[in-house]
Amino acid sequence: MGRGFFRNKVTYRVSEKPRNTTEINELISQQTDINPSFDLAAILESDPTIVRIGRVRRSGLVGEKSPLSEWATEEWVNHHEREQPEKKER
């Protein structure tokens, strides 16, 4: 099982709603018999359809090696993006 397998699983899950790095790591661990020892953030960043939408700061789990970030698909972000109000000129 390579990067493509994990990327497909992750893309499917983050297309439903944003997920954080720990949730994605847990998903991979539950659906495979391996303990992922790869840089999950690097794999997610290399996928053009997945975007980092923010860091989770309310948790004490943010580490230096693998930051706890939230991820979503570009399609999800575009669909849920708020429209910017038009500025009225004075």
N, C-alpha and C. Protein backbone atom coordinates (compact mmCIF):
# COMPACT_ATOMS: atom_id res chain seq x y z
N MET A 1 0.84 -1.18 0.00
CA MET A 1 0.00 0.00 0.00
C MET A 1 0.88 1.23 0.00
N GLY A 2 0.68 2.08 -0.99
CA GLY A 2 1.51 3.26 -1.11
C GLY A 2 0.75 4.53 -0.84
N ARG A 3 1.38 5.60 -1.24
CA ARG A 3 0.79 6.92 -1.03
C ARG A 3 -0.57 7.07 -1.71
N GLY A 4 -0.72 6.48 -2.89
CA GLY A 4 -1.98 6.60 -3.62
C GLY A 4 -3.15 6.02 -2.84
N PHE A 5 -2.93 4.88 -2.19
CA PHE A 5 -3.98 4.25 -1.38
C PHE A 5 -4.41 5.18 -0.26
N PHE A 6 -3.42 5.70 0.48
CA PHE A 6 -3.73 6.59 1.59
C PHE A 6 -4.38 7.88 1.10
N ARG A 7 -3.86 8.42 0.03
CA ARG A 7 -4.40 9.67 -0.52
C ARG A 7 -5.87 9.51 -0.91
N ASN A 8 -6.22 8.39 -1.53
CA ASN A 8 -7.62 8.15 -1.90
C ASN A 8 -8.53 8.05 -0.68
N LYS A 9 -8.08 7.33 0.34
CA LYS A 9 -8.86 7.20 1.57
C LYS A 9 -9.06 8.55 2.24
N VAL A 10 -7.99 9.31 2.33
CA VAL A 10 -8.03 10.60 3.00
C VAL A 10 -8.89 11.59 2.20
N THR A 11 -8.72 11.61 0.90
CA THR A 11 -9.50 12.53 0.06
C THR A 11 -10.99 12.27 0.23
N TYR A 12 -11.36 11.00 0.28
CA TYR A 12 -12.77 10.66 0.47
C TYR A 12 -13.27 11.20 1.80
N ARG A 13 -12.50 11.00 2.87
CA ARG A 13 -12.94 11.42 4.20
C ARG A 13 -13.00 12.93 4.36
N VAL A 14 -12.02 13.65 3.85
CA VAL A 14 -12.03 15.11 4.01
C VAL A 14 -12.98 15.79 3.04
N SER A 15 -13.51 15.05 2.07
CA SER A 15 -14.51 15.66 1.18
C SER A 15 -15.86 15.76 1.89
N GLU A 16 -16.07 14.93 2.92
CA GLU A 16 -17.31 14.98 3.69
C GLU A 16 -17.33 16.19 4.61
N LYS A 17 -16.24 16.40 5.32
CA LYS A 17 -16.06 17.54 6.22
C LYS A 17 -14.58 17.61 6.58
N PRO A 18 -14.11 18.77 7.03
CA PRO A 18 -12.69 18.88 7.38
C PRO A 18 -12.32 17.92 8.51
N ARG A 19 -11.12 17.41 8.46
CA ARG A 19 -10.60 16.50 9.49
C ARG A 19 -9.23 17.00 9.92
N ASN A 20 -8.89 16.74 11.17
CA ASN A 20 -7.56 17.14 11.60
C ASN A 20 -6.57 15.99 11.41
N THR A 21 -5.32 16.31 11.56
CA THR A 21 -4.25 15.35 11.28
C THR A 21 -4.40 14.08 12.11
N THR A 22 -4.78 14.22 13.38
CA THR A 22 -4.93 13.05 14.25
C THR A 22 -6.08 12.16 13.78
N GLU A 23 -7.19 12.77 13.38
CA GLU A 23 -8.32 11.98 12.87
C GLU A 23 -7.94 11.21 11.62
N ILE A 24 -7.20 11.85 10.75
CA ILE A 24 -6.77 11.20 9.50
C ILE A 24 -5.81 10.06 9.81
N ASN A 25 -4.88 10.29 10.72
CA ASN A 25 -3.93 9.26 11.11
C ASN A 25 -4.66 8.07 11.73
N GLU A 26 -5.65 8.34 12.57
CA GLU A 26 -6.43 7.28 13.19
C GLU A 26 -7.21 6.49 12.15
N LEU A 27 -7.79 7.18 11.19
CA LEU A 27 -8.51 6.53 10.10
C LEU A 27 -7.62 5.54 9.36
N ILE A 28 -6.42 5.98 9.03
CA ILE A 28 -5.48 5.12 8.31
C ILE A 28 -5.10 3.91 9.17
N SER A 29 -4.87 4.14 10.45
CA SER A 29 -4.50 3.05 11.36
C SER A 29 -5.61 2.03 11.51
N GLN A 30 -6.87 2.50 11.53
CA GLN A 30 -8.01 1.59 11.69
C GLN A 30 -8.27 0.76 10.44
N GLN A 31 -7.99 1.33 9.27
CA GLN A 31 -8.32 0.64 8.03
C GLN A 31 -7.17 -0.17 7.46
N THR A 32 -6.03 -0.11 8.10
CA THR A 32 -4.89 -0.90 7.65
C THR A 32 -4.24 -1.56 8.85
N ASP A 33 -3.41 -2.53 8.60
CA ASP A 33 -2.72 -3.22 9.68
C ASP A 33 -1.35 -2.63 9.97
N ILE A 34 -1.08 -1.48 9.41
CA ILE A 34 0.23 -0.89 9.61
C ILE A 34 0.12 0.35 10.48
N ASN A 35 1.20 0.67 11.13
CA ASN A 35 1.28 1.90 11.90
C ASN A 35 1.98 2.92 11.02
N PRO A 36 1.26 3.95 10.56
CA PRO A 36 1.86 4.89 9.62
C PRO A 36 3.07 5.61 10.22
N SER A 37 4.20 5.43 9.56
CA SER A 37 5.42 6.07 10.03
C SER A 37 5.91 7.07 9.01
N PHE A 38 5.02 7.58 8.19
CA PHE A 38 5.37 8.54 7.15
C PHE A 38 4.90 9.92 7.57
N ASP A 39 5.35 10.91 6.86
CA ASP A 39 4.98 12.29 7.14
C ASP A 39 3.64 12.58 6.49
N LEU A 40 2.58 12.45 7.27
CA LEU A 40 1.23 12.61 6.75
C LEU A 40 1.02 14.01 6.19
N ALA A 41 1.52 15.02 6.86
CA ALA A 41 1.36 16.40 6.38
C ALA A 41 1.99 16.58 5.00
N ALA A 42 3.14 15.97 4.78
CA ALA A 42 3.81 16.08 3.48
C ALA A 42 2.98 15.43 2.38
N ILE A 43 2.38 14.30 2.67
CA ILE A 43 1.53 13.63 1.68
C ILE A 43 0.31 14.49 1.38
N LEU A 44 -0.31 15.03 2.42
CA LEU A 44 -1.50 15.86 2.21
C LEU A 44 -1.16 17.13 1.45
N GLU A 45 -0.03 17.74 1.77
CA GLU A 45 0.38 18.96 1.08
C GLU A 45 0.71 18.71 -0.38
N SER A 46 1.15 17.51 -0.71
CA SER A 46 1.52 17.21 -2.09
C SER A 46 0.30 16.93 -2.97
N ASP A 47 -0.86 16.75 -2.37
CA ASP A 47 -2.07 16.48 -3.13
C ASP A 47 -2.71 17.81 -3.52
N PRO A 48 -2.89 18.05 -4.83
CA PRO A 48 -3.45 19.33 -5.26
C PRO A 48 -4.92 19.53 -4.90
N THR A 49 -5.63 18.46 -4.52
CA THR A 49 -7.05 18.60 -4.20
C THR A 49 -7.31 18.79 -2.71
N ILE A 50 -6.27 18.66 -1.89
CA ILE A 50 -6.42 18.79 -0.44
C ILE A 50 -5.70 20.05 0.01
N VAL A 51 -6.36 20.82 0.87
CA VAL A 51 -5.75 22.06 1.37
C VAL A 51 -5.79 22.08 2.90
N ARG A 52 -4.77 22.70 3.47
CA ARG A 52 -4.73 22.91 4.91
C ARG A 52 -5.57 24.16 5.18
N ILE A 53 -6.59 24.01 6.01
CA ILE A 53 -7.46 25.16 6.25
C ILE A 53 -7.20 25.81 7.60
N GLY A 54 -6.28 25.26 8.36
CA GLY A 54 -5.93 25.90 9.63
C GLY A 54 -5.26 24.94 10.58
N ARG A 55 -4.70 25.52 11.62
CA ARG A 55 -4.09 24.73 12.69
C ARG A 55 -5.05 24.66 13.85
N VAL A 56 -5.07 23.53 14.52
CA VAL A 56 -5.90 23.36 15.70
C VAL A 56 -5.07 23.84 16.88
N ARG A 57 -5.49 24.92 17.48
CA ARG A 57 -4.72 25.51 18.58
C ARG A 57 -5.33 25.24 19.95
N ARG A 58 -6.57 24.79 19.99
CA ARG A 58 -7.22 24.58 21.28
C ARG A 58 -6.76 23.31 21.97
N SER A 59 -5.98 22.53 21.29
CA SER A 59 -5.51 21.25 21.83
C SER A 59 -4.06 21.36 22.24
N GLY A 60 -3.70 20.62 23.24
CA GLY A 60 -2.31 20.58 23.67
C GLY A 60 -1.48 19.62 22.85
N LEU A 61 -2.05 19.09 21.76
CA LEU A 61 -1.38 18.07 20.96
C LEU A 61 -0.53 18.63 19.84
N VAL A 62 -0.50 19.94 19.67
CA VAL A 62 0.27 20.50 18.56
C VAL A 62 1.75 20.26 18.83
N GLY A 63 2.37 19.57 17.91
CA GLY A 63 3.78 19.24 18.07
C GLY A 63 4.62 19.88 16.99
N GLU A 64 5.90 19.83 17.17
CA GLU A 64 6.80 20.41 16.18
C GLU A 64 6.94 19.51 14.97
N LYS A 65 6.99 18.19 15.20
CA LYS A 65 7.22 17.26 14.10
C LYS A 65 6.02 17.18 13.16
N SER A 66 4.85 16.99 13.71
CA SER A 66 3.65 16.86 12.89
C SER A 66 2.58 17.78 13.45
N PRO A 67 2.46 18.98 12.91
CA PRO A 67 1.48 19.91 13.46
C PRO A 67 0.06 19.39 13.28
N LEU A 68 -0.78 19.67 14.27
CA LEU A 68 -2.17 19.26 14.21
C LEU A 68 -2.91 20.30 13.40
N SER A 69 -3.21 19.96 12.16
CA SER A 69 -3.86 20.87 11.24
C SER A 69 -5.19 20.30 10.81
N GLU A 70 -6.04 21.19 10.31
CA GLU A 70 -7.29 20.74 9.72
C GLU A 70 -7.15 20.75 8.22
N TRP A 71 -7.71 19.72 7.57
CA TRP A 71 -7.58 19.53 6.13
C TRP A 71 -8.95 19.36 5.51
N ALA A 72 -9.10 19.84 4.30
CA ALA A 72 -10.34 19.69 3.54
C ALA A 72 -9.99 19.63 2.06
N THR A 73 -10.96 19.23 1.26
CA THR A 73 -10.72 19.26 -0.19
C THR A 73 -10.99 20.68 -0.69
N GLU A 74 -10.39 21.01 -1.80
CA GLU A 74 -10.61 22.33 -2.40
C GLU A 74 -12.09 22.51 -2.73
N GLU A 75 -12.71 21.44 -3.18
CA GLU A 75 -14.13 21.49 -3.52
C GLU A 75 -14.97 21.85 -2.29
N TRP A 76 -14.67 21.24 -1.13
CA TRP A 76 -15.40 21.53 0.10
C TRP A 76 -15.21 22.99 0.49
N VAL A 77 -13.98 23.47 0.40
CA VAL A 77 -13.68 24.85 0.76
C VAL A 77 -14.44 25.82 -0.14
N ASN A 78 -14.41 25.58 -1.44
CA ASN A 78 -15.11 26.45 -2.38
C ASN A 78 -16.62 26.46 -2.12
N HIS A 79 -17.17 25.32 -1.78
CA HIS A 79 -18.60 25.22 -1.53
C HIS A 79 -19.01 25.95 -0.25
N HIS A 80 -18.15 25.91 0.78
CA HIS A 80 -18.48 26.48 2.07
C HIS A 80 -17.87 27.86 2.31
N GLU A 81 -17.22 28.38 1.32
CA GLU A 81 -16.57 29.67 1.46
C GLU A 81 -17.61 30.77 1.61
N ARG A 82 -17.35 31.65 2.54
CA ARG A 82 -18.26 32.78 2.74
C ARG A 82 -17.99 33.84 1.70
N GLU A 83 -19.06 34.41 1.21
CA GLU A 83 -18.89 35.50 0.26
C GLU A 83 -18.50 36.75 1.03
N GLN A 84 -17.58 37.49 0.46
CA GLN A 84 -17.13 38.74 1.08
C GLN A 84 -18.15 39.83 0.81
N PRO A 85 -18.54 40.56 1.85
CA PRO A 85 -19.48 41.66 1.61
C PRO A 85 -18.83 42.74 0.78
N GLU A 86 -19.64 43.38 -0.05
CA GLU A 86 -19.11 44.46 -0.87
C GLU A 86 -18.92 45.69 0.00
N LYS A 87 -17.78 46.35 -0.19
CA LYS A 87 -17.51 47.57 0.56
C LYS A 87 -18.20 48.73 -0.13
N LYS A 88 -18.92 49.49 0.65
CA LYS A 88 -19.59 50.65 0.11
C LYS A 88 -18.66 51.85 0.17
N GLU A 89 -18.59 52.55 -0.92
CA GLU A 89 -17.75 53.75 -0.95
C GLU A 89 -18.53 54.91 -0.36
N ARG A 90 -17.81 55.74 0.36
CA ARG A 90 -18.46 56.90 0.98
C ARG A 90 -18.44 58.09 0.10
